[in-house]
Amino acid sequence: MEITVKLFATLGTYLPPGAARNAATVTVEEGADIAAVLARLGVPREQVHLALVNGVYIAPERLAETRLAPGDTLALWPPVAGG
């Protein structure tokens, strides 16, 4: 199945070749969870601070249990510091 992955800030380095504007369409197994997508892209789980599926927040402890559907958009951000 195909999903859209958006990786922001430093996570953008994990996007596959051909990605544009921090986003790429990727093919994953039917019913894949967020943790499986992270593994496929090589994104270390500890580098993901914020995850949204179709604009809905997913708590970090739910990454391995949140299944994706065809056409979903997964957006990920690393921890951010500022002052």
PDB file of N, CA and C in Angstrom:
ATOM      1  N   MET A   1       0.843  -1.171   0.000  1.00  0.00           N
ATOM      2  CA  MET A   1       0.000   0.000   0.000  1.00  0.00           C
ATOM      3  C   MET A   1       0.889   1.235   0.000  1.00  0.00           C
ATOM      4  N   GLU A   2       0.375   2.332  -0.508  1.00  0.00           N
ATOM      5  CA  GLU A   2       1.133   3.570  -0.552  1.00  0.00           C
ATOM      6  C   GLU A   2       0.645   4.543   0.521  1.00  0.00           C
ATOM      7  N   ILE A   3       1.615   5.198   1.178  1.00  0.00           N
ATOM      8  CA  ILE A   3       1.329   6.258   2.134  1.00  0.00           C
ATOM      9  C   ILE A   3       2.257   7.423   1.811  1.00  0.00           C
ATOM     10  N   THR A   4       1.927   8.585   2.349  1.00  0.00           N
ATOM     11  CA  THR A   4       2.807   9.740   2.233  1.00  0.00           C
ATOM     12  C   THR A   4       3.515   9.917   3.562  1.00  0.00           C
ATOM     13  N   VAL A   5       4.820  10.089   3.499  1.00  0.00           N
ATOM     14  CA  VAL A   5       5.617  10.330   4.705  1.00  0.00           C
ATOM     15  C   VAL A   5       6.199  11.732   4.599  1.00  0.00           C
ATOM     16  N   LYS A   6       6.013  12.504   5.666  1.00  0.00           N
ATOM     17  CA  LYS A   6       6.587  13.842   5.749  1.00  0.00           C
ATOM     18  C   LYS A   6       7.535  13.865   6.936  1.00  0.00           C
ATOM     19  N   LEU A   7       8.789  14.162   6.672  1.00  0.00           N
ATOM     20  CA  LEU A   7       9.804  14.208   7.721  1.00  0.00           C
ATOM     21  C   LEU A   7      10.344  15.623   7.813  1.00  0.00           C
ATOM     22  N   PHE A   8      10.285  16.196   9.002  1.00  0.00           N
ATOM     23  CA  PHE A   8      10.651  17.589   9.192  1.00  0.00           C
ATOM     24  C   PHE A   8      11.961  17.746   9.951  1.00  0.00           C
ATOM     25  N   ALA A   9      12.568  18.922   9.765  1.00  0.00           N
ATOM     26  CA  ALA A   9      13.830  19.297  10.420  1.00  0.00           C
ATOM     27  C   ALA A   9      14.895  18.244  10.107  1.00  0.00           C
ATOM     28  N   THR A  10      15.627  17.800  11.120  1.00  0.00           N
ATOM     29  CA  THR A  10      16.744  16.876  10.894  1.00  0.00           C
ATOM     30  C   THR A  10      16.300  15.506  10.377  1.00  0.00           C
ATOM     31  N   LEU A  11      15.038  15.153  10.557  1.00  0.00           N
ATOM     32  CA  LEU A  11      14.559  13.850  10.069  1.00  0.00           C
ATOM     33  C   LEU A  11      14.494  13.805   8.545  1.00  0.00           C
ATOM     34  N   GLY A  12      14.507  14.964   7.904  1.00  0.00           N
ATOM     35  CA  GLY A  12      14.434  15.019   6.450  1.00  0.00           C
ATOM     36  C   GLY A  12      15.546  14.252   5.748  1.00  0.00           C
ATOM     37  N   THR A  13      16.656  14.045   6.440  1.00  0.00           N
ATOM     38  CA  THR A  13      17.763  13.301   5.827  1.00  0.00           C
ATOM     39  C   THR A  13      17.413  11.835   5.586  1.00  0.00           C
ATOM     40  N   TYR A  14      16.355  11.350   6.204  1.00  0.00           N
ATOM     41  CA  TYR A  14      15.946   9.947   6.045  1.00  0.00           C
ATOM     42  C   TYR A  14      14.957   9.739   4.898  1.00  0.00           C
ATOM     43  N   LEU A  15      14.548  10.813   4.240  1.00  0.00           N
ATOM     44  CA  LEU A  15      13.621  10.659   3.120  1.00  0.00           C
ATOM     45  C   LEU A  15      14.311   9.939   1.965  1.00  0.00           C
ATOM     46  N   PRO A  16      13.573   9.126   1.225  1.00  0.00           N
ATOM     47  CA  PRO A  16      14.173   8.419   0.089  1.00  0.00           C
ATOM     48  C   PRO A  16      14.497   9.384  -1.052  1.00  0.00           C
ATOM     49  N   PRO A  17      15.367   8.965  -1.964  1.00  0.00           N
ATOM     50  CA  PRO A  17      15.688   9.792  -3.127  1.00  0.00           C
ATOM     51  C   PRO A  17      14.405  10.149  -3.889  1.00  0.00           C
ATOM     52  N   GLY A  18      14.380  11.355  -4.418  1.00  0.00           N
ATOM     53  CA  GLY A  18      13.213  11.795  -5.173  1.00  0.00           C
ATOM     54  C   GLY A  18      12.171  12.501  -4.328  1.00  0.00           C
ATOM     55  N   ALA A  19      12.394  12.575  -3.025  1.00  0.00           N
ATOM     56  CA  ALA A  19      11.449  13.271  -2.148  1.00  0.00           C
ATOM     57  C   ALA A  19      11.470  14.758  -2.471  1.00  0.00           C
ATOM     58  N   ALA A  20      10.338  15.398  -2.313  1.00  0.00           N
ATOM     59  CA  ALA A  20      10.239  16.825  -2.577  1.00  0.00           C
ATOM     60  C   ALA A  20       9.470  17.498  -1.447  1.00  0.00           C
ATOM     61  N   ARG A  21       9.972  18.640  -1.027  1.00  0.00           N
ATOM     62  CA  ARG A  21       9.295  19.434  -0.005  1.00  0.00           C
ATOM     63  C   ARG A  21       9.023  18.644   1.271  1.00  0.00           C
ATOM     64  N   ASN A  22      10.023  17.902   1.716  1.00  0.00           N
ATOM     65  CA  ASN A  22       9.979  17.108   2.951  1.00  0.00           C
ATOM     66  C   ASN A  22       8.974  15.961   2.910  1.00  0.00           C
ATOM     67  N   ALA A  23       8.533  15.555   1.726  1.00  0.00           N
ATOM     68  CA  ALA A  23       7.534  14.493   1.633  1.00  0.00           C
ATOM     69  C   ALA A  23       7.895  13.499   0.539  1.00  0.00           C
ATOM     70  N   ALA A  24       7.451  12.264   0.749  1.00  0.00           N
ATOM     71  CA  ALA A  24       7.645  11.215  -0.251  1.00  0.00           C
ATOM     72  C   ALA A  24       6.503  10.216  -0.149  1.00  0.00           C
ATOM     73  N   THR A  25       6.160   9.642  -1.269  1.00  0.00           N
ATOM     74  CA  THR A  25       5.217   8.531  -1.278  1.00  0.00           C
ATOM     75  C   THR A  25       6.033   7.265  -1.162  1.00  0.00           C
ATOM     76  N   VAL A  26       5.695   6.427  -0.183  1.00  0.00           N
ATOM     77  CA  VAL A  26       6.425   5.180   0.016  1.00  0.00           C
ATOM     78  C   VAL A  26       5.444   4.012   0.011  1.00  0.00           C
ATOM     79  N   THR A  27       5.943   2.876  -0.394  1.00  0.00           N
ATOM     80  CA  THR A  27       5.146   1.662  -0.390  1.00  0.00           C
ATOM     81  C   THR A  27       5.539   0.836   0.828  1.00  0.00           C
ATOM     82  N   VAL A  28       4.541   0.463   1.617  1.00  0.00           N
ATOM     83  CA  VAL A  28       4.761  -0.351   2.812  1.00  0.00           C
ATOM     84  C   VAL A  28       3.792  -1.525   2.777  1.00  0.00           C
ATOM     85  N   GLU A  29       4.034  -2.491   3.634  1.00  0.00           N
ATOM     86  CA  GLU A  29       3.146  -3.650   3.696  1.00  0.00           C
ATOM     87  C   GLU A  29       1.765  -3.245   4.170  1.00  0.00           C
ATOM     88  N   GLU A  30       0.769  -3.913   3.690  1.00  0.00           N
ATOM     89  CA  GLU A  30      -0.614  -3.686   4.105  1.00  0.00           C
ATOM     90  C   GLU A  30      -0.715  -3.794   5.626  1.00  0.00           C
ATOM     91  N   GLY A  31      -1.314  -2.799   6.267  1.00  0.00           N
ATOM     92  CA  GLY A  31      -1.481  -2.825   7.716  1.00  0.00           C
ATOM     93  C   GLY A  31      -0.233  -2.514   8.519  1.00  0.00           C
ATOM     94  N   ALA A  32       0.793  -1.956   7.865  1.00  0.00           N
ATOM     95  CA  ALA A  32       2.042  -1.623   8.566  1.00  0.00           C
ATOM     96  C   ALA A  32       1.757  -0.621   9.679  1.00  0.00           C
ATOM     97  N   ASP A  33       2.533  -0.722  10.757  1.00  0.00           N
ATOM     98  CA  ASP A  33       2.409   0.262  11.826  1.00  0.00           C
ATOM     99  C   ASP A  33       3.493   1.324  11.662  1.00  0.00           C
ATOM    100  N   ILE A  34       3.407   2.381  12.461  1.00  0.00           N
ATOM    101  CA  ILE A  34       4.359   3.484  12.343  1.00  0.00           C
ATOM    102  C   ILE A  34       5.782   3.013  12.615  1.00  0.00           C
ATOM    103  N   ALA A  35       5.972   2.161  13.603  1.00  0.00           N
ATOM    104  CA  ALA A  35       7.313   1.662  13.924  1.00  0.00           C
ATOM    105  C   ALA A  35       7.931   0.940  12.725  1.00  0.00           C
ATOM    106  N   ALA A  36       7.131   0.209  11.970  1.00  0.00           N
ATOM    107  CA  ALA A  36       7.638  -0.489  10.786  1.00  0.00           C
ATOM    108  C   ALA A  36       8.070   0.495   9.703  1.00  0.00           C
ATOM    109  N   VAL A  37       7.339   1.585   9.566  1.00  0.00           N
ATOM    110  CA  VAL A  37       7.711   2.609   8.587  1.00  0.00           C
ATOM    111  C   VAL A  37       9.030   3.266   9.004  1.00  0.00           C
ATOM    112  N   LEU A  38       9.171   3.552  10.297  1.00  0.00           N
ATOM    113  CA  LEU A  38      10.428   4.123  10.788  1.00  0.00           C
ATOM    114  C   LEU A  38      11.591   3.190  10.468  1.00  0.00           C
ATOM    115  N   ALA A  39      11.419   1.914  10.729  1.00  0.00           N
ATOM    116  CA  ALA A  39      12.475   0.940  10.459  1.00  0.00           C
ATOM    117  C   ALA A  39      12.801   0.880   8.973  1.00  0.00           C
ATOM    118  N   ARG A  40      11.784   0.905   8.132  1.00  0.00           N
ATOM    119  CA  ARG A  40      11.995   0.837   6.680  1.00  0.00           C
ATOM    120  C   ARG A  40      12.809   2.028   6.193  1.00  0.00           C
ATOM    121  N   LEU A  41      12.561   3.205   6.778  1.00  0.00           N
ATOM    122  CA  LEU A  41      13.268   4.415   6.366  1.00  0.00           C
ATOM    123  C   LEU A  41      14.594   4.608   7.092  1.00  0.00           C
ATOM    124  N   GLY A  42      14.841   3.790   8.122  1.00  0.00           N
ATOM    125  CA  GLY A  42      16.077   3.915   8.896  1.00  0.00           C
ATOM    126  C   GLY A  42      16.047   5.029   9.922  1.00  0.00           C
ATOM    127  N   VAL A  43      14.858   5.493  10.282  1.00  0.00           N
ATOM    128  CA  VAL A  43      14.712   6.573  11.261  1.00  0.00           C
ATOM    129  C   VAL A  43      14.788   5.980  12.668  1.00  0.00           C
ATOM    130  N   PRO A  44      15.763   6.385  13.474  1.00  0.00           N
ATOM    131  CA  PRO A  44      15.825   5.892  14.857  1.00  0.00           C
ATOM    132  C   PRO A  44      14.600   6.362  15.641  1.00  0.00           C
ATOM    133  N   ARG A  45      13.953   5.436  16.275  1.00  0.00           N
ATOM    134  CA  ARG A  45      12.710   5.730  16.998  1.00  0.00           C
ATOM    135  C   ARG A  45      12.896   6.821  18.048  1.00  0.00           C
ATOM    136  N   GLU A  46      14.058   6.848  18.693  1.00  0.00           N
ATOM    137  CA  GLU A  46      14.298   7.842  19.737  1.00  0.00           C
ATOM    138  C   GLU A  46      14.444   9.254  19.171  1.00  0.00           C
ATOM    139  N   GLN A  47      14.570   9.380  17.859  1.00  0.00           N
ATOM    140  CA  GLN A  47      14.653  10.700  17.244  1.00  0.00           C
ATOM    141  C   GLN A  47      13.286  11.267  16.868  1.00  0.00           C
ATOM    142  N   VAL A  48      12.227  10.489  17.084  1.00  0.00           N
ATOM    143  CA  VAL A  48      10.881  10.953  16.767  1.00  0.00           C
ATOM    144  C   VAL A  48      10.224  11.466  18.042  1.00  0.00           C
ATOM    145  N   HIS A  49       9.903  12.754  18.035  1.00  0.00           N
ATOM    146  CA  HIS A  49       9.260  13.376  19.198  1.00  0.00           C
ATOM    147  C   HIS A  49       7.756  13.555  18.983  1.00  0.00           C
ATOM    148  N   LEU A  50       7.375  13.878  17.757  1.00  0.00           N
ATOM    149  CA  LEU A  50       5.974  14.154  17.446  1.00  0.00           C
ATOM    150  C   LEU A  50       5.585  13.379  16.201  1.00  0.00           C
ATOM    151  N   ALA A  51       4.475  12.658  16.283  1.00  0.00           N
ATOM    152  CA  ALA A  51       3.966  11.900  15.142  1.00  0.00           C
ATOM    153  C   ALA A  51       2.491  12.229  14.942  1.00  0.00           C
ATOM    154  N   LEU A  52       2.124  12.480  13.693  1.00  0.00           N
ATOM    155  CA  LEU A  52       0.732  12.726  13.332  1.00  0.00           C
ATOM    156  C   LEU A  52       0.363  11.807  12.180  1.00  0.00           C
ATOM    157  N   VAL A  53      -0.826  11.219  12.240  1.00  0.00           N
ATOM    158  CA  VAL A  53      -1.366  10.458  11.124  1.00  0.00           C
ATOM    159  C   VAL A  53      -2.622  11.193  10.676  1.00  0.00           C
ATOM    160  N   ASN A  54      -2.580  11.689   9.458  1.00  0.00           N
ATOM    161  CA  ASN A  54      -3.691  12.481   8.924  1.00  0.00           C
ATOM    162  C   ASN A  54      -4.059  13.627   9.854  1.00  0.00           C
ATOM    163  N   GLY A  55      -3.042  14.231  10.477  1.00  0.00           N
ATOM    164  CA  GLY A  55      -3.245  15.376  11.350  1.00  0.00           C
ATOM    165  C   GLY A  55      -3.630  15.042  12.776  1.00  0.00           C
ATOM    166  N   VAL A  56      -3.702  13.765  13.109  1.00  0.00           N
ATOM    167  CA  VAL A  56      -4.092  13.333  14.455  1.00  0.00           C
ATOM    168  C   VAL A  56      -2.852  12.880  15.220  1.00  0.00           C
ATOM    169  N   TYR A  57      -2.652  13.454  16.406  1.00  0.00           N
ATOM    170  CA  TYR A  57      -1.497  13.134  17.248  1.00  0.00           C
ATOM    171  C   TYR A  57      -1.490  11.666  17.653  1.00  0.00           C
ATOM    172  N   ILE A  58      -0.307  11.048  17.582  1.00  0.00           N
ATOM    173  CA  ILE A  58      -0.100   9.665  18.026  1.00  0.00           C
ATOM    174  C   ILE A  58       0.962   9.709  19.123  1.00  0.00           C
ATOM    175  N   ALA A  59       0.614   9.252  20.308  1.00  0.00           N
ATOM    176  CA  ALA A  59       1.547   9.241  21.430  1.00  0.00           C
ATOM    177  C   ALA A  59       2.731   8.316  21.121  1.00  0.00           C
ATOM    178  N   PRO A  60       3.938   8.685  21.588  1.00  0.00           N
ATOM    179  CA  PRO A  60       5.130   7.876  21.300  1.00  0.00           C
ATOM    180  C   PRO A  60       4.979   6.403  21.673  1.00  0.00           C
ATOM    181  N   GLU A  61       4.300   6.119  22.752  1.00  0.00           N
ATOM    182  CA  GLU A  61       4.141   4.716  23.167  1.00  0.00           C
ATOM    183  C   GLU A  61       3.174   3.937  22.277  1.00  0.00           C
ATOM    184  N   ARG A  62       2.506   4.617  21.334  1.00  0.00           N
ATOM    185  CA  ARG A  62       1.557   3.948  20.446  1.00  0.00           C
ATOM    186  C   ARG A  62       2.090   3.766  19.016  1.00  0.00           C
ATOM    187  N   LEU A  63       3.367   4.088  18.787  1.00  0.00           N
ATOM    188  CA  LEU A  63       3.914   3.981  17.436  1.00  0.00           C
ATOM    189  C   LEU A  63       3.870   2.555  16.896  1.00  0.00           C
ATOM    190  N   ALA A  64       4.112   1.585  17.760  1.00  0.00           N
ATOM    191  CA  ALA A  64       4.140   0.184  17.313  1.00  0.00           C
ATOM    192  C   ALA A  64       2.744  -0.423  17.191  1.00  0.00           C
ATOM    193  N   GLU A  65       1.739   0.245  17.706  1.00  0.00           N
ATOM    194  CA  GLU A  65       0.388  -0.326  17.634  1.00  0.00           C
ATOM    195  C   GLU A  65      -0.540   0.446  16.701  1.00  0.00           C
ATOM    196  N   THR A  66      -0.076   1.563  16.174  1.00  0.00           N
ATOM    197  CA  THR A  66      -0.914   2.368  15.286  1.00  0.00           C
ATOM    198  C   THR A  66      -0.716   1.917  13.849  1.00  0.00           C
ATOM    199  N   ARG A  67      -1.740   1.271  13.309  1.00  0.00           N
ATOM    200  CA  ARG A  67      -1.695   0.753  11.940  1.00  0.00           C
ATOM    201  C   ARG A  67      -2.064   1.848  10.950  1.00  0.00           C
ATOM    202  N   LEU A  68      -1.424   1.793   9.807  1.00  0.00           N
ATOM    203  CA  LEU A  68      -1.684   2.765   8.752  1.00  0.00           C
ATOM    204  C   LEU A  68      -2.560   2.143   7.676  1.00  0.00           C
ATOM    205  N   ALA A  69      -3.286   2.999   6.966  1.00  0.00           N
ATOM    206  CA  ALA A  69      -4.165   2.561   5.885  1.00  0.00           C
ATOM    207  C   ALA A  69      -3.684   3.191   4.578  1.00  0.00           C
ATOM    208  N   PRO A  70      -4.060   2.606   3.451  1.00  0.00           N
ATOM    209  CA  PRO A  70      -3.659   3.184   2.169  1.00  0.00           C
ATOM    210  C   PRO A  70      -4.072   4.662   2.090  1.00  0.00           C
ATOM    211  N   GLY A  71      -3.144   5.481   1.601  1.00  0.00           N
ATOM    212  CA  GLY A  71      -3.430   6.895   1.439  1.00  0.00           C
ATOM    213  C   GLY A  71      -3.185   7.759   2.664  1.00  0.00           C
ATOM    214  N   ASP A  72      -2.839   7.145   3.792  1.00  0.00           N
ATOM    215  CA  ASP A  72      -2.561   7.920   5.008  1.00  0.00           C
ATOM    216  C   ASP A  72      -1.348   8.811   4.811  1.00  0.00           C
ATOM    217  N   THR A  73      -1.303   9.889   5.590  1.00  0.00           N
ATOM    218  CA  THR A  73      -0.136  10.760   5.641  1.00  0.00           C
ATOM    219  C   THR A  73       0.445  10.690   7.041  1.00  0.00           C
ATOM    220  N   LEU A  74       1.706  10.295   7.125  1.00  0.00           N
ATOM    221  CA  LEU A  74       2.436  10.199   8.384  1.00  0.00           C
ATOM    222  C   LEU A  74       3.433  11.345   8.418  1.00  0.00           C
ATOM    223  N   ALA A  75       3.304  12.218   9.420  1.00  0.00           N
ATOM    224  CA  ALA A  75       4.210  13.356   9.578  1.00  0.00           C
ATOM    225  C   ALA A  75       4.973  13.191  10.876  1.00  0.00           C
ATOM    226  N   LEU A  76       6.299  13.402  10.817  1.00  0.00           N
ATOM    227  CA  LEU A  76       7.161  13.170  11.976  1.00  0.00           C
ATOM    228  C   LEU A  76       8.106  14.343  12.200  1.00  0.00           C
ATOM    229  N   TRP A  77       8.310  14.692  13.474  1.00  0.00           N
ATOM    230  CA  TRP A  77       9.240  15.748  13.865  1.00  0.00           C
ATOM    231  C   TRP A  77      10.187  15.227  14.943  1.00  0.00           C
ATOM    232  N   PRO A  78      11.415  15.721  14.946  1.00  0.00           N
ATOM    233  CA  PRO A  78      12.361  15.377  16.017  1.00  0.00           C
ATOM    234  C   PRO A  78      12.108  16.269  17.231  1.00  0.00           C
ATOM    235  N   PRO A  79      12.779  16.012  18.351  1.00  0.00           N
ATOM    236  CA  PRO A  79      12.689  16.939  19.490  1.00  0.00           C
ATOM    237  C   PRO A  79      13.180  18.321  19.053  1.00  0.00           C
ATOM    238  N   VAL A  80      12.549  19.336  19.578  1.00  0.00           N
ATOM    239  CA  VAL A  80      12.898  20.705  19.231  1.00  0.00           C
ATOM    240  C   VAL A  80      13.269  21.462  20.493  1.00  0.00           C
ATOM    241  N   ALA A  81      14.322  22.250  20.422  1.00  0.00           N
ATOM    242  CA  ALA A  81      14.734  23.069  21.567  1.00  0.00           C
ATOM    243  C   ALA A  81      14.693  24.521  21.147  1.00  0.00           C
ATOM    244  N   GLY A  82      14.484  25.348  22.082  1.00  0.00           N
ATOM    245  CA  GLY A  82      14.451  26.769  21.769  1.00  0.00           C
ATOM    246  C   GLY A  82      14.314  27.582  23.036  1.00  0.00           C
ATOM    247  N   GLY A  83      14.277  28.850  22.865  1.00  0.00           N
ATOM    248  CA  GLY A  83      14.184  29.653  24.056  1.00  0.00           C
ATOM    249  C   GLY A  83      13.551  30.964  23.852  1.00  0.00           C
TER     250      GLY A  83
END
